[in-house]
N, C-alpha and C. Protein backbone atom coordinates (compact mmCIF):
# COMPACT_ATOMS: atom_id res chain seq x y z
N MET A 1 4.00 32.76 7.18
CA MET A 1 4.94 31.71 7.14
C MET A 1 5.32 32.11 5.96
N LYS A 2 6.97 31.69 5.81
CA LYS A 2 7.83 32.00 4.76
C LYS A 2 7.37 30.99 3.23
N ASN A 3 7.42 31.66 2.41
CA ASN A 3 7.25 30.49 1.33
C ASN A 3 8.65 29.49 1.27
N SER A 4 8.35 28.00 0.91
CA SER A 4 9.10 27.29 0.85
C SER A 4 9.15 26.45 -0.94
N ILE A 5 10.20 25.89 -1.20
CA ILE A 5 9.95 25.63 -2.33
C ILE A 5 8.83 25.15 -2.94
N PRO A 6 8.30 23.94 -2.15
CA PRO A 6 6.88 22.97 -2.74
C PRO A 6 5.67 24.10 -2.68
N VAL A 7 5.67 25.14 -1.58
CA VAL A 7 4.59 25.91 -1.56
C VAL A 7 4.77 26.97 -3.33
N LEU A 8 6.12 27.50 -3.28
CA LEU A 8 5.97 28.32 -4.63
C LEU A 8 5.89 27.87 -5.83
N SER A 9 6.34 26.26 -5.66
CA SER A 9 6.11 25.52 -7.17
C SER A 9 4.61 25.29 -7.35
N GLU A 10 4.04 24.89 -6.07
CA GLU A 10 2.59 24.54 -6.32
C GLU A 10 2.05 26.02 -6.64
N LYS A 11 2.30 27.48 -6.03
CA LYS A 11 1.57 28.40 -6.73
C LYS A 11 2.12 28.54 -8.41
N ALA A 12 3.16 28.23 -8.67
CA ALA A 12 3.84 28.27 -10.04
C ALA A 12 3.02 27.27 -11.01
N LEU A 13 2.39 26.27 -10.55
CA LEU A 13 1.83 25.39 -11.20
C LEU A 13 0.37 25.71 -11.41
N MET A 14 -0.32 26.37 -10.32
CA MET A 14 -1.58 26.89 -10.19
C MET A 14 -1.55 28.09 -11.31
N ALA A 15 -0.80 29.05 -11.43
CA ALA A 15 -0.82 30.14 -12.13
C ALA A 15 -0.65 29.71 -13.87
N SER A 16 0.22 28.57 -13.99
CA SER A 16 0.67 27.98 -15.26
C SER A 16 -0.64 27.70 -15.85
N GLU A 17 -1.56 26.73 -14.87
CA GLU A 17 -2.71 26.22 -15.51
C GLU A 17 -3.83 27.37 -15.65
N LYS A 18 -3.68 28.22 -15.10
CA LYS A 18 -4.39 29.45 -15.48
C LYS A 18 -4.06 30.43 -16.67
N GLY A 19 -2.78 30.01 -17.48
CA GLY A 19 -2.46 30.83 -18.40
C GLY A 19 -1.37 31.90 -17.96
N ASP A 20 -1.38 31.81 -16.83
CA ASP A 20 -0.50 33.00 -16.50
C ASP A 20 1.37 32.73 -15.99
N HIS A 21 1.58 32.38 -17.33
CA HIS A 21 2.76 32.05 -17.44
C HIS A 21 4.12 32.97 -16.69
N ILE A 22 3.70 34.26 -16.84
CA ILE A 22 5.05 35.34 -16.31
C ILE A 22 4.73 35.17 -14.79
N LYS A 23 3.60 35.50 -14.20
CA LYS A 23 3.66 34.71 -12.78
C LYS A 23 4.36 33.32 -12.39
N ALA A 24 3.88 32.17 -13.06
CA ALA A 24 4.31 31.28 -12.93
C ALA A 24 6.02 31.24 -12.77
N ALA A 25 6.56 31.95 -13.73
CA ALA A 25 7.89 32.20 -13.91
C ALA A 25 8.51 32.77 -12.81
N ASP A 26 8.01 33.60 -12.20
CA ASP A 26 8.00 34.59 -11.04
C ASP A 26 8.11 33.83 -9.94
N TYR A 27 7.31 32.98 -9.79
CA TYR A 27 7.41 31.85 -8.47
C TYR A 27 8.48 31.30 -8.71
N TYR A 28 9.26 30.92 -10.04
CA TYR A 28 10.13 29.80 -9.97
C TYR A 28 11.56 30.37 -9.59
N ARG A 29 11.35 31.82 -10.20
CA ARG A 29 12.38 32.67 -9.86
C ARG A 29 12.55 32.80 -8.44
N GLU A 30 11.80 32.79 -7.65
CA GLU A 30 11.91 33.17 -6.22
C GLU A 30 11.94 31.67 -5.63
N ALA A 31 11.41 30.76 -6.15
CA ALA A 31 12.19 29.55 -5.65
C ALA A 31 13.73 29.37 -5.83
N LEU A 32 14.06 29.70 -6.99
CA LEU A 32 15.70 29.51 -7.15
C LEU A 32 16.16 30.59 -6.16
N LYS A 33 15.81 31.36 -5.69
CA LYS A 33 16.77 32.18 -4.77
C LYS A 33 16.77 31.36 -3.09
N ILE A 34 15.83 30.33 -3.12
CA ILE A 34 16.03 29.60 -2.14
C ILE A 34 17.15 28.25 -2.56
N ALA A 35 17.15 27.67 -3.71
CA ALA A 35 17.66 26.81 -4.06
C ALA A 35 18.42 27.20 -5.50
N PRO A 36 19.45 28.08 -5.38
CA PRO A 36 20.07 28.51 -6.77
C PRO A 36 20.77 27.30 -7.68
N ASP A 37 20.84 26.05 -7.12
CA ASP A 37 21.35 25.26 -7.70
C ASP A 37 20.54 23.98 -8.24
N SER A 38 19.37 24.09 -8.39
CA SER A 38 18.26 23.16 -8.60
C SER A 38 17.94 22.96 -10.10
N PRO A 39 18.28 22.26 -10.81
CA PRO A 39 17.93 22.10 -12.20
C PRO A 39 16.77 21.87 -12.52
N SER A 40 15.54 21.16 -11.44
CA SER A 40 14.66 21.24 -12.17
C SER A 40 13.68 22.57 -12.05
N LEU A 41 13.94 23.56 -11.15
CA LEU A 41 13.72 24.61 -10.86
C LEU A 41 13.76 25.46 -12.36
N TYR A 42 15.08 25.48 -12.41
CA TYR A 42 15.59 26.34 -14.01
C TYR A 42 14.74 25.70 -15.01
N TYR A 43 14.66 24.41 -15.18
CA TYR A 43 14.05 23.70 -16.26
C TYR A 43 12.34 24.35 -16.27
N ASN A 44 11.57 24.27 -15.03
CA ASN A 44 10.37 24.56 -15.02
C ASN A 44 10.08 26.10 -15.29
N LEU A 45 11.18 26.92 -14.88
CA LEU A 45 11.15 28.15 -15.25
C LEU A 45 11.34 28.55 -16.67
N ALA A 46 12.06 27.79 -17.28
CA ALA A 46 12.07 27.39 -18.87
C ALA A 46 11.11 27.16 -19.62
N LEU A 47 10.09 26.33 -19.13
CA LEU A 47 9.00 26.11 -19.56
C LEU A 47 7.90 27.13 -19.60
N GLU A 48 8.09 27.94 -18.54
CA GLU A 48 6.89 29.13 -18.35
C GLU A 48 7.46 30.41 -19.23
N LEU A 49 9.05 30.51 -19.20
CA LEU A 49 9.31 31.41 -20.08
C LEU A 49 9.28 31.11 -21.50
N ASP A 50 9.38 30.05 -22.07
CA ASP A 50 9.14 29.51 -22.99
C ASP A 50 7.51 29.78 -23.59
N ALA A 51 6.82 29.35 -22.57
CA ALA A 51 5.13 29.55 -22.90
C ALA A 51 4.78 31.19 -22.96
N SER A 52 5.71 32.16 -22.65
CA SER A 52 5.16 33.74 -22.57
C SER A 52 5.72 34.47 -23.52
N GLY A 53 6.75 33.55 -24.40
CA GLY A 53 7.21 33.94 -25.54
C GLY A 53 8.59 34.56 -25.35
N ASN A 54 9.57 34.14 -24.13
CA ASN A 54 10.65 34.57 -23.87
C ASN A 54 11.33 33.31 -24.30
N THR A 55 11.74 33.25 -25.26
CA THR A 55 12.72 32.32 -25.94
C THR A 55 14.16 32.34 -25.59
N ASP A 56 14.81 33.75 -25.13
CA ASP A 56 15.90 34.01 -24.99
C ASP A 56 16.09 33.34 -23.68
N GLY A 57 15.21 33.80 -22.79
CA GLY A 57 15.13 33.64 -21.26
C GLY A 57 15.07 32.09 -20.94
N ALA A 58 14.07 31.52 -21.82
CA ALA A 58 14.00 30.13 -21.43
C ALA A 58 15.08 29.17 -21.77
N LEU A 59 16.08 29.61 -23.05
CA LEU A 59 17.13 29.10 -23.49
C LEU A 59 18.40 29.14 -22.19
N ASN A 60 18.23 30.26 -21.67
CA ASN A 60 19.48 30.82 -20.58
C ASN A 60 19.23 29.90 -19.32
N ALA A 61 17.77 29.71 -19.10
CA ALA A 61 17.36 29.26 -17.98
C ALA A 61 18.00 27.42 -18.23
N LEU A 62 17.66 27.02 -19.43
CA LEU A 62 18.04 25.50 -19.76
C LEU A 62 19.42 25.27 -19.69
N SER A 63 20.11 26.45 -20.06
CA SER A 63 21.71 26.54 -19.84
C SER A 63 21.81 26.38 -18.49
N GLN A 64 21.16 26.97 -17.65
CA GLN A 64 21.59 27.13 -16.10
C GLN A 64 21.25 25.57 -15.46
N ALA A 65 20.32 24.98 -16.15
CA ALA A 65 19.68 23.39 -15.64
C ALA A 65 21.14 22.69 -15.99
N LEU A 66 21.43 22.92 -17.23
CA LEU A 66 22.57 21.83 -17.60
C LEU A 66 23.79 22.10 -16.79
N GLU A 67 24.26 23.31 -16.67
CA GLU A 67 25.13 23.36 -15.40
C GLU A 67 25.15 22.75 -14.15
N TYR A 68 23.96 22.19 -13.72
CA TYR A 68 23.78 21.77 -12.42
C TYR A 68 23.47 20.43 -12.71
N ASN A 69 23.10 19.70 -13.67
CA ASN A 69 22.45 18.59 -14.21
C ASN A 69 22.80 18.39 -15.84
N SER A 70 24.16 17.77 -16.30
CA SER A 70 24.34 17.26 -17.67
C SER A 70 23.95 16.18 -18.18
N SER A 71 23.15 15.55 -17.19
CA SER A 71 22.97 13.91 -17.64
C SER A 71 21.50 13.88 -17.63
N ASP A 72 20.48 15.09 -17.64
CA ASP A 72 19.15 15.16 -17.78
C ASP A 72 18.66 14.80 -19.46
N PRO A 73 18.42 14.09 -19.95
CA PRO A 73 17.97 14.12 -21.30
C PRO A 73 16.79 14.75 -21.67
N ASP A 74 15.87 15.43 -20.47
CA ASP A 74 14.84 16.25 -20.84
C ASP A 74 15.16 17.52 -21.05
N ILE A 75 16.45 18.01 -20.43
CA ILE A 75 16.63 19.42 -20.44
C ILE A 75 17.47 19.53 -22.13
N PHE A 76 18.21 18.57 -22.46
CA PHE A 76 18.60 18.69 -23.80
C PHE A 76 17.66 18.59 -24.58
N ALA A 77 16.69 17.58 -24.95
CA ALA A 77 15.66 17.77 -25.62
C ALA A 77 14.65 19.02 -25.62
N GLU A 78 14.38 19.45 -24.29
CA GLU A 78 13.44 20.81 -24.17
C GLU A 78 14.35 21.89 -25.13
N LYS A 79 15.54 21.87 -24.84
CA LYS A 79 16.52 22.95 -25.46
C LYS A 79 16.73 22.66 -26.97
N GLY A 80 16.16 21.45 -27.29
CA GLY A 80 16.62 21.37 -28.79
C GLY A 80 15.69 21.69 -29.15
N ARG A 81 14.18 21.39 -28.59
CA ARG A 81 13.06 21.97 -29.00
C ARG A 81 12.81 23.50 -29.39
N ILE A 82 13.55 24.06 -28.62
CA ILE A 82 13.18 25.62 -28.46
C ILE A 82 13.96 25.87 -29.44
N LEU A 83 15.15 25.80 -29.55
CA LEU A 83 16.30 26.18 -30.72
C LEU A 83 15.50 25.82 -31.99
N LEU A 84 14.97 24.33 -32.40
CA LEU A 84 14.31 24.22 -33.32
C LEU A 84 13.22 25.22 -33.75
N ASP A 85 12.23 25.73 -32.79
CA ASP A 85 11.47 26.62 -33.02
C ASP A 85 11.77 27.67 -33.50
N ALA A 86 13.33 28.44 -32.99
CA ALA A 86 13.88 29.12 -33.21
C ALA A 86 14.49 29.32 -34.54
N GLY A 87 14.87 28.15 -35.49
CA GLY A 87 15.13 28.02 -36.54
C GLY A 87 16.64 28.03 -36.44
N GLU A 88 17.03 27.77 -34.97
CA GLU A 88 18.72 27.37 -35.00
C GLU A 88 18.94 26.11 -35.07
N TYR A 89 18.91 25.29 -36.20
CA TYR A 89 18.82 23.78 -36.73
C TYR A 89 19.97 23.35 -36.34
N GLU A 90 21.36 23.97 -36.55
CA GLU A 90 22.29 23.22 -35.90
C GLU A 90 22.58 23.00 -34.39
N GLU A 91 22.32 23.89 -34.02
CA GLU A 91 22.43 23.98 -32.20
C GLU A 91 21.15 22.99 -31.59
N ALA A 92 20.38 23.25 -32.33
CA ALA A 92 19.37 22.35 -31.97
C ALA A 92 19.65 20.66 -32.27
N GLU A 93 20.25 20.60 -33.18
CA GLU A 93 20.58 19.10 -33.44
C GLU A 93 21.51 18.27 -32.35
N GLU A 94 22.25 19.24 -32.05
CA GLU A 94 23.28 18.90 -31.13
C GLU A 94 22.94 18.94 -29.84
N ASN A 95 21.44 19.60 -29.12
CA ASN A 95 21.04 19.42 -28.36
C ASN A 95 20.26 17.87 -28.18
N ILE A 96 19.67 17.80 -29.36
CA ILE A 96 18.46 16.80 -29.53
C ILE A 96 19.15 15.52 -29.37
N ALA A 97 20.79 15.36 -30.11
CA ALA A 97 21.56 14.20 -30.28
C ALA A 97 22.15 13.93 -28.86
N SER A 98 22.24 14.92 -28.27
CA SER A 98 22.75 14.73 -26.60
C SER A 98 21.74 14.13 -25.81
N ALA A 99 20.57 14.49 -25.97
CA ALA A 99 19.31 13.92 -25.59
C ALA A 99 19.24 12.43 -25.78
N LEU A 100 19.15 12.09 -27.28
CA LEU A 100 19.03 10.91 -27.40
C LEU A 100 20.43 9.94 -27.17
N LYS A 101 21.77 10.58 -26.82
CA LYS A 101 22.89 9.56 -26.76
C LYS A 101 22.62 9.45 -25.07
N LEU A 102 22.20 10.22 -24.25
CA LEU A 102 21.44 9.84 -22.86
C LEU A 102 20.53 9.06 -22.75
N ASP A 103 19.43 8.83 -23.80
CA ASP A 103 18.36 8.15 -23.59
C ASP A 103 17.91 8.13 -25.30
N PRO A 104 18.18 6.78 -25.76
CA PRO A 104 17.88 6.73 -27.03
C PRO A 104 16.28 6.43 -27.28
N GLU A 105 15.88 6.44 -26.53
CA GLU A 105 14.21 6.14 -26.52
C GLU A 105 13.46 7.36 -26.23
N HIS A 106 13.82 8.44 -26.00
CA HIS A 106 13.21 9.56 -25.62
C HIS A 106 12.42 9.99 -26.76
N PRO A 107 11.26 9.64 -26.71
CA PRO A 107 10.09 10.04 -27.60
C PRO A 107 9.91 11.66 -28.03
N TYR A 108 10.10 12.36 -27.49
CA TYR A 108 10.21 13.94 -27.82
C TYR A 108 11.45 14.32 -28.53
N ALA A 109 12.58 13.62 -28.24
CA ALA A 109 13.60 13.88 -29.03
C ALA A 109 13.90 13.28 -30.41
N LEU A 110 13.65 11.66 -30.24
CA LEU A 110 13.24 11.47 -31.57
C LEU A 110 12.10 12.01 -32.58
N ASN A 111 11.23 12.42 -31.89
CA ASN A 111 10.29 13.33 -32.74
C ASN A 111 10.85 14.24 -33.64
N ASN A 112 11.83 15.26 -32.72
CA ASN A 112 12.31 16.41 -33.06
C ASN A 112 13.63 16.10 -34.15
N MET A 113 14.22 14.86 -33.64
CA MET A 113 15.29 14.77 -34.26
C MET A 113 14.61 14.19 -35.96
N GLY A 114 13.36 13.85 -36.06
CA GLY A 114 12.74 13.47 -37.08
C GLY A 114 12.30 14.68 -37.81
N VAL A 115 11.99 15.49 -37.30
CA VAL A 115 11.78 17.16 -37.98
C VAL A 115 12.83 17.65 -38.57
N LEU A 116 13.51 17.64 -37.93
CA LEU A 116 15.15 18.13 -38.25
C LEU A 116 15.66 17.37 -39.72
N SER A 117 15.50 16.23 -39.67
CA SER A 117 15.76 15.28 -40.78
C SER A 117 14.57 15.72 -42.24
N PHE A 118 13.35 16.04 -41.77
CA PHE A 118 12.32 16.22 -42.34
C PHE A 118 12.57 17.71 -43.11
N LEU A 119 12.95 18.66 -42.57
CA LEU A 119 13.53 19.55 -42.97
C LEU A 119 14.82 19.62 -43.88
N LYS A 120 15.52 18.87 -43.21
CA LYS A 120 17.00 18.64 -44.50
C LYS A 120 16.41 17.87 -45.89
N LYS A 121 15.18 17.42 -45.83
CA LYS A 121 14.68 16.38 -47.01
C LYS A 121 15.38 15.16 -46.92
N GLU A 122 15.52 14.41 -45.67
CA GLU A 122 15.85 13.31 -45.47
C GLU A 122 14.88 12.42 -44.72
N TYR A 123 13.93 12.28 -45.92
CA TYR A 123 12.58 11.50 -45.69
C TYR A 123 12.77 10.43 -44.96
N ASP A 124 13.90 9.42 -45.60
CA ASP A 124 13.85 8.24 -44.73
C ASP A 124 14.15 8.14 -43.47
N ASP A 125 15.30 8.84 -42.81
CA ASP A 125 15.62 9.43 -41.58
C ASP A 125 14.62 9.61 -40.84
N ALA A 126 13.49 10.61 -41.47
CA ALA A 126 12.49 11.35 -40.68
C ALA A 126 11.71 10.09 -40.43
N LEU A 127 11.33 9.16 -41.49
CA LEU A 127 10.24 8.15 -41.05
C LEU A 127 10.80 7.36 -39.96
N ILE A 128 12.03 6.96 -40.11
CA ILE A 128 12.67 6.07 -38.77
C ILE A 128 12.40 6.80 -37.49
N TYR A 129 12.91 7.96 -37.59
CA TYR A 129 12.71 8.68 -36.27
C TYR A 129 10.92 8.62 -35.93
N PHE A 130 10.44 9.61 -36.57
CA PHE A 130 8.80 9.30 -36.15
C PHE A 130 8.41 7.89 -35.57
N LEU A 131 8.55 6.91 -36.42
CA LEU A 131 8.17 5.54 -36.16
C LEU A 131 8.59 5.20 -35.07
N ASP A 132 9.99 5.36 -34.59
CA ASP A 132 10.46 5.03 -33.14
C ASP A 132 9.74 5.95 -32.20
N ALA A 133 9.59 7.10 -32.37
CA ALA A 133 8.80 7.62 -31.30
C ALA A 133 7.51 7.33 -31.22
N VAL A 134 6.81 6.77 -32.31
CA VAL A 134 5.47 6.70 -31.80
C VAL A 134 5.49 4.69 -31.38
N LYS A 135 6.31 4.12 -31.48
CA LYS A 135 6.97 2.77 -30.89
C LYS A 135 6.93 3.07 -29.42
N VAL A 136 7.70 4.07 -28.84
CA VAL A 136 7.77 4.46 -27.55
C VAL A 136 6.81 4.73 -26.92
N LYS A 137 5.97 5.78 -27.73
CA LYS A 137 4.97 6.51 -27.12
C LYS A 137 3.55 6.27 -28.02
N LYS A 138 2.66 5.67 -27.99
CA LYS A 138 1.96 5.15 -28.96
C LYS A 138 0.86 6.01 -28.78
N ASP A 139 0.86 7.39 -27.94
CA ASP A 139 -0.59 8.08 -27.74
C ASP A 139 0.34 9.36 -28.17
N PHE A 140 1.54 9.89 -28.71
CA PHE A 140 2.19 10.77 -29.36
C PHE A 140 1.51 11.46 -30.45
N ALA A 141 0.42 12.10 -30.24
CA ALA A 141 -0.15 13.01 -31.37
C ALA A 141 0.77 13.56 -32.43
N ASP A 142 1.54 14.25 -32.00
CA ASP A 142 2.31 14.93 -32.91
C ASP A 142 3.60 13.95 -33.79
N ALA A 143 3.87 13.19 -33.07
CA ALA A 143 4.70 12.07 -34.11
C ALA A 143 4.06 11.53 -35.03
N TRP A 144 2.55 11.09 -34.52
CA TRP A 144 1.70 10.55 -35.63
C TRP A 144 1.52 11.40 -36.96
N PHE A 145 1.22 12.87 -36.53
CA PHE A 145 0.96 13.85 -37.57
C PHE A 145 2.05 14.08 -38.23
N ASN A 146 3.17 14.07 -37.85
CA ASN A 146 4.49 14.16 -38.66
C ASN A 146 4.78 12.81 -39.43
N LEU A 147 4.59 11.69 -39.12
CA LEU A 147 4.78 10.63 -39.60
C LEU A 147 3.75 10.46 -40.84
N ALA A 148 2.66 10.77 -40.89
CA ALA A 148 1.49 11.04 -41.73
C ALA A 148 2.05 12.14 -42.94
N ASP A 149 2.73 13.07 -42.65
CA ASP A 149 3.50 14.03 -43.45
C ASP A 149 4.43 13.49 -44.14
N THR A 150 5.21 12.79 -43.66
CA THR A 150 6.49 12.04 -44.04
C THR A 150 5.93 11.08 -44.90
N TYR A 151 4.86 10.15 -44.71
CA TYR A 151 4.39 9.28 -45.88
C TYR A 151 4.09 9.85 -47.00
N SER A 152 3.04 11.00 -46.92
CA SER A 152 2.51 11.83 -47.64
C SER A 152 3.70 12.26 -48.76
N VAL A 153 5.04 12.81 -48.25
CA VAL A 153 6.09 13.36 -49.12
C VAL A 153 6.74 12.31 -49.85
N ILE A 154 6.88 10.97 -49.29
CA ILE A 154 7.06 9.68 -49.77
C ILE A 154 6.27 8.98 -50.78
N GLY A 155 5.19 9.37 -50.60
CA GLY A 155 4.12 8.87 -51.77
C GLY A 155 3.50 7.42 -51.31
N ASP A 156 3.62 7.43 -49.82
CA ASP A 156 3.09 6.34 -49.27
C ASP A 156 1.65 6.40 -48.77
N ASP A 157 0.75 6.42 -49.74
CA ASP A 157 -0.94 6.68 -49.18
C ASP A 157 -1.43 5.91 -48.21
N ARG A 158 -1.03 4.75 -48.09
CA ARG A 158 -1.42 3.90 -47.13
C ARG A 158 -0.93 4.01 -45.72
N GLY A 159 0.59 4.34 -45.62
CA GLY A 159 0.76 4.90 -44.59
C GLY A 159 0.33 5.88 -44.19
N GLU A 160 0.19 7.17 -44.90
CA GLU A 160 -0.26 8.06 -44.61
C GLU A 160 -1.78 8.40 -44.05
N LYS A 161 -2.32 7.37 -44.76
CA LYS A 161 -3.75 7.56 -44.27
C LYS A 161 -3.79 6.62 -42.55
N ALA A 162 -3.08 5.77 -42.61
CA ALA A 162 -3.18 5.01 -41.07
C ALA A 162 -2.82 5.86 -40.03
N ALA A 163 -1.46 6.77 -40.36
CA ALA A 163 -1.19 7.66 -39.38
C ALA A 163 -2.02 8.67 -39.22
N ARG A 164 -2.39 9.37 -40.15
CA ARG A 164 -3.73 10.41 -40.19
C ARG A 164 -4.75 9.92 -39.45
N LYS A 165 -5.55 8.86 -39.54
CA LYS A 165 -6.27 8.25 -38.67
C LYS A 165 -6.00 8.03 -37.35
N LYS A 166 -4.93 7.65 -37.00
CA LYS A 166 -4.29 7.39 -35.44
C LYS A 166 -4.40 8.96 -35.19
N PHE A 167 -3.66 9.89 -35.64
CA PHE A 167 -3.61 11.20 -35.21
C PHE A 167 -4.74 11.83 -34.71
N GLU A 168 -5.89 11.71 -35.86
CA GLU A 168 -7.42 12.14 -35.63
C GLU A 168 -8.05 11.24 -34.33
N LYS A 169 -7.77 10.21 -34.55
CA LYS A 169 -8.29 9.61 -33.28
C LYS A 169 -7.76 9.92 -31.40
N LEU A 170 -6.25 10.10 -31.88
CA LEU A 170 -5.77 10.42 -30.75
C LEU A 170 -6.24 11.95 -29.91
N ASN A 171 -6.76 12.85 -31.39
CA ASN A 171 -7.03 14.32 -31.21
C ASN A 171 -8.54 14.69 -30.56
N GLU A 172 -9.33 13.35 -30.74
CA GLU A 172 -10.86 13.40 -30.17
C GLU A 172 -10.92 13.45 -28.57
N ARG A 173 -9.64 12.89 -28.02
CA ARG A 173 -9.98 13.02 -26.58
C ARG A 173 -9.88 13.88 -25.75
């Protein structure tokens, strides 16, 4: 029986869960031969490529996904995150801003915009973005951690202590 997209996606998911991101990426590439205009397959391919350390491949896959769906905030947010991790701050900010334009309450985009603001030493802006991120997604450990760091930098010991406590509680799970 010939592999279908659901079968290949399931195989990719199983490979990814085992930590074999290269094999998972191969399954997504095979699925893209069947559906070469699927933004979700390009998005999933990008996640696996990024997890395997192939930043350029991940960014290329996300660019492909955006060619087929330029209204998905997750694609912009993920591309922004990868660019942020790569130190490409200007392009990261453009993509994260696009995600927030499409979904002003996108928690990951809010968090990453906060990270960019923090890196630019715009701590008041960073604080707002992190607070918005945890308001939208109360169990967002990374945003709580970033919020604690921001409180620390601005000298708010009470805020830092509360945010760290929340972060630690979330990490106990």
